[in-house]
């Protein structure tokens, strides 16, 4: 397992990961500071387009990385297309290890 996924697992255990499209969009709209939105590379084009639009609208950081099934395994779900990390100490680590 790479460093990115390992740190994501730690963030999840710390309660610093928001899962799913709707909850992530709500978080982007309410507080775009100190969050990093992660979009799975194999998410649908519509999902990617909509999340990128929301992020760019409020100048929120995002990156496209990984696969839905891998995120699902790490985060104890079936598949995860979109998630947000809310820990300001973990975000730089994730950005540097993609």
C-alpha atoms as a PDB file:
ATOM      1  CA  UNK A   1       0.000   0.000   0.000  1.00  0.00           C
ATOM      2  CA  UNK A   2       1.348   3.455  -0.835  1.00  0.00           C
ATOM      3  CA  UNK A   3       1.758   6.405   1.537  1.00  0.00           C
ATOM      4  CA  UNK A   4      -1.297   8.247   0.203  1.00  0.00           C
ATOM      5  CA  UNK A   5      -3.671   5.390   1.018  1.00  0.00           C
ATOM      6  CA  UNK A   6      -2.043   4.771   4.390  1.00  0.00           C
ATOM      7  CA  UNK A   7      -2.473   8.397   5.438  1.00  0.00           C
ATOM      8  CA  UNK A   8      -6.052   8.372   4.158  1.00  0.00           C
ATOM      9  CA  UNK A   9      -6.760   5.425   6.455  1.00  0.00           C
ATOM     10  CA  UNK A  10      -5.293   7.341   9.392  1.00  0.00           C
ATOM     11  CA  UNK A  11      -7.406  10.396   8.530  1.00  0.00           C
ATOM     12  CA  UNK A  12     -10.507   8.190   8.411  1.00  0.00           C
ATOM     13  CA  UNK A  13      -9.791   6.741  11.860  1.00  0.00           C
ATOM     14  CA  UNK A  14      -9.350  10.284  13.166  1.00  0.00           C
ATOM     15  CA  UNK A  15     -12.766  11.242  11.791  1.00  0.00           C
ATOM     16  CA  UNK A  16     -11.274  13.697   9.295  1.00  0.00           C
ATOM     17  CA  UNK A  17     -12.703  12.193   6.084  1.00  0.00           C
ATOM     18  CA  UNK A  18     -16.087  13.048   4.565  1.00  0.00           C
ATOM     19  CA  UNK A  19     -17.425  10.467   2.116  1.00  0.00           C
ATOM     20  CA  UNK A  20     -19.759  10.804  -0.838  1.00  0.00           C
ATOM     21  CA  UNK A  21     -20.798  13.353  -3.403  1.00  0.00           C
ATOM     22  CA  UNK A  22     -23.622  15.145  -1.570  1.00  0.00           C
ATOM     23  CA  UNK A  23     -21.844  15.543   1.758  1.00  0.00           C
ATOM     24  CA  UNK A  24     -18.662  16.696   0.015  1.00  0.00           C
ATOM     25  CA  UNK A  25     -20.542  19.323  -2.015  1.00  0.00           C
ATOM     26  CA  UNK A  26     -22.224  20.571   1.173  1.00  0.00           C
ATOM     27  CA  UNK A  27     -18.829  20.839   2.848  1.00  0.00           C
ATOM     28  CA  UNK A  28     -17.343  22.711  -0.132  1.00  0.00           C
ATOM     29  CA  UNK A  29     -20.197  25.222  -0.023  1.00  0.00           C
ATOM     30  CA  UNK A  30     -20.023  25.748   3.742  1.00  0.00           C
ATOM     31  CA  UNK A  31     -16.252  25.876   4.272  1.00  0.00           C
ATOM     32  CA  UNK A  32     -13.845  25.634   1.363  1.00  0.00           C
ATOM     33  CA  UNK A  33     -10.824  26.448   3.551  1.00  0.00           C
ATOM     34  CA  UNK A  34      -8.705  23.651   4.987  1.00  0.00           C
ATOM     35  CA  UNK A  35     -10.299  20.871   2.968  1.00  0.00           C
ATOM     36  CA  UNK A  36      -8.929  18.753   0.152  1.00  0.00           C
ATOM     37  CA  UNK A  37     -11.397  17.084  -2.173  1.00  0.00           C
ATOM     38  CA  UNK A  38     -10.226  13.793  -3.686  1.00  0.00           C
ATOM     39  CA  UNK A  39     -11.913  12.471  -6.819  1.00  0.00           C
ATOM     40  CA  UNK A  40     -11.317   8.878  -7.903  1.00  0.00           C
ATOM     41  CA  UNK A  41      -9.786   8.692 -11.383  1.00  0.00           C
ATOM     42  CA  UNK A  42     -12.460   6.214 -12.441  1.00  0.00           C
ATOM     43  CA  UNK A  43     -15.390   8.314 -11.177  1.00  0.00           C
ATOM     44  CA  UNK A  44     -17.966   9.175 -13.833  1.00  0.00           C
ATOM     45  CA  UNK A  45     -17.218  12.158 -16.061  1.00  0.00           C
ATOM     46  CA  UNK A  46     -20.361  13.875 -14.802  1.00  0.00           C
ATOM     47  CA  UNK A  47     -19.267  13.483 -11.172  1.00  0.00           C
ATOM     48  CA  UNK A  48     -15.776  14.781 -11.947  1.00  0.00           C
ATOM     49  CA  UNK A  49     -17.130  17.757 -13.872  1.00  0.00           C
ATOM     50  CA  UNK A  50     -19.610  18.713 -11.139  1.00  0.00           C
ATOM     51  CA  UNK A  51     -17.120  18.394  -8.278  1.00  0.00           C
ATOM     52  CA  UNK A  52     -14.427  20.350 -10.151  1.00  0.00           C
ATOM     53  CA  UNK A  53     -17.016  23.058 -10.894  1.00  0.00           C
ATOM     54  CA  UNK A  54     -17.988  23.332  -7.214  1.00  0.00           C
ATOM     55  CA  UNK A  55     -14.347  23.407  -6.109  1.00  0.00           C
ATOM     56  CA  UNK A  56     -13.304  26.043  -8.634  1.00  0.00           C
ATOM     57  CA  UNK A  57     -16.321  28.192  -7.799  1.00  0.00           C
ATOM     58  CA  UNK A  58     -15.131  28.688  -4.210  1.00  0.00           C
ATOM     59  CA  UNK A  59     -11.387  28.165  -4.800  1.00  0.00           C
ATOM     60  CA  UNK A  60     -11.256  24.830  -2.958  1.00  0.00           C
ATOM     61  CA  UNK A  61      -8.303  22.471  -3.475  1.00  0.00           C
ATOM     62  CA  UNK A  62      -8.934  19.152  -5.213  1.00  0.00           C
ATOM     63  CA  UNK A  63      -7.036  16.354  -6.843  1.00  0.00           C
ATOM     64  CA  UNK A  64      -7.885  13.366  -8.996  1.00  0.00           C
ATOM     65  CA  UNK A  65      -6.195  10.204  -7.819  1.00  0.00           C
ATOM     66  CA  UNK A  66      -6.812   6.524  -7.150  1.00  0.00           C
ATOM     67  CA  UNK A  67      -9.704   4.183  -7.823  1.00  0.00           C
ATOM     68  CA  UNK A  68     -13.202   3.892  -6.347  1.00  0.00           C
ATOM     69  CA  UNK A  69     -12.763   0.276  -5.253  1.00  0.00           C
ATOM     70  CA  UNK A  70      -9.434   0.957  -3.520  1.00  0.00           C
ATOM     71  CA  UNK A  71     -10.947   3.878  -1.604  1.00  0.00           C
ATOM     72  CA  UNK A  72     -13.847   1.608  -0.724  1.00  0.00           C
ATOM     73  CA  UNK A  73     -11.517  -1.004   0.775  1.00  0.00           C
ATOM     74  CA  UNK A  74      -9.578   1.578   2.796  1.00  0.00           C
ATOM     75  CA  UNK A  75     -12.699   3.349   4.046  1.00  0.00           C
ATOM     76  CA  UNK A  76     -14.866   0.262   4.656  1.00  0.00           C
ATOM     77  CA  UNK A  77     -17.379   0.977   1.887  1.00  0.00           C
ATOM     78  CA  UNK A  78     -18.153  -0.708  -1.422  1.00  0.00           C
ATOM     79  CA  UNK A  79     -16.932   2.141  -3.643  1.00  0.00           C
ATOM     80  CA  UNK A  80     -16.053   5.778  -2.968  1.00  0.00           C
ATOM     81  CA  UNK A  81     -15.881   8.217  -5.904  1.00  0.00           C
ATOM     82  CA  UNK A  82     -15.561  11.466  -3.975  1.00  0.00           C
ATOM     83  CA  UNK A  83     -14.242  12.285  -0.526  1.00  0.00           C
ATOM     84  CA  UNK A  84     -12.941  15.268   1.386  1.00  0.00           C
ATOM     85  CA  UNK A  85     -10.146  15.410   3.947  1.00  0.00           C
ATOM     86  CA  UNK A  86     -10.619  18.041   6.655  1.00  0.00           C
ATOM     87  CA  UNK A  87      -7.343  17.876   8.601  1.00  0.00           C
ATOM     88  CA  UNK A  88      -4.976  20.760   7.781  1.00  0.00           C
ATOM     89  CA  UNK A  89      -1.945  18.686   8.822  1.00  0.00           C
ATOM     90  CA  UNK A  90      -2.792  15.691   6.634  1.00  0.00           C
ATOM     91  CA  UNK A  91      -3.706  17.656   3.483  1.00  0.00           C
ATOM     92  CA  UNK A  92      -0.121  18.709   2.542  1.00  0.00           C
ATOM     93  CA  UNK A  93       1.075  15.124   3.057  1.00  0.00           C
ATOM     94  CA  UNK A  94      -1.610  13.794   0.712  1.00  0.00           C
ATOM     95  CA  UNK A  95      -0.837  16.412  -1.950  1.00  0.00           C
ATOM     96  CA  UNK A  96       2.878  15.546  -1.818  1.00  0.00           C
ATOM     97  CA  UNK A  97       2.333  11.777  -2.099  1.00  0.00           C
ATOM     98  CA  UNK A  98       0.068  11.417  -5.140  1.00  0.00           C
END
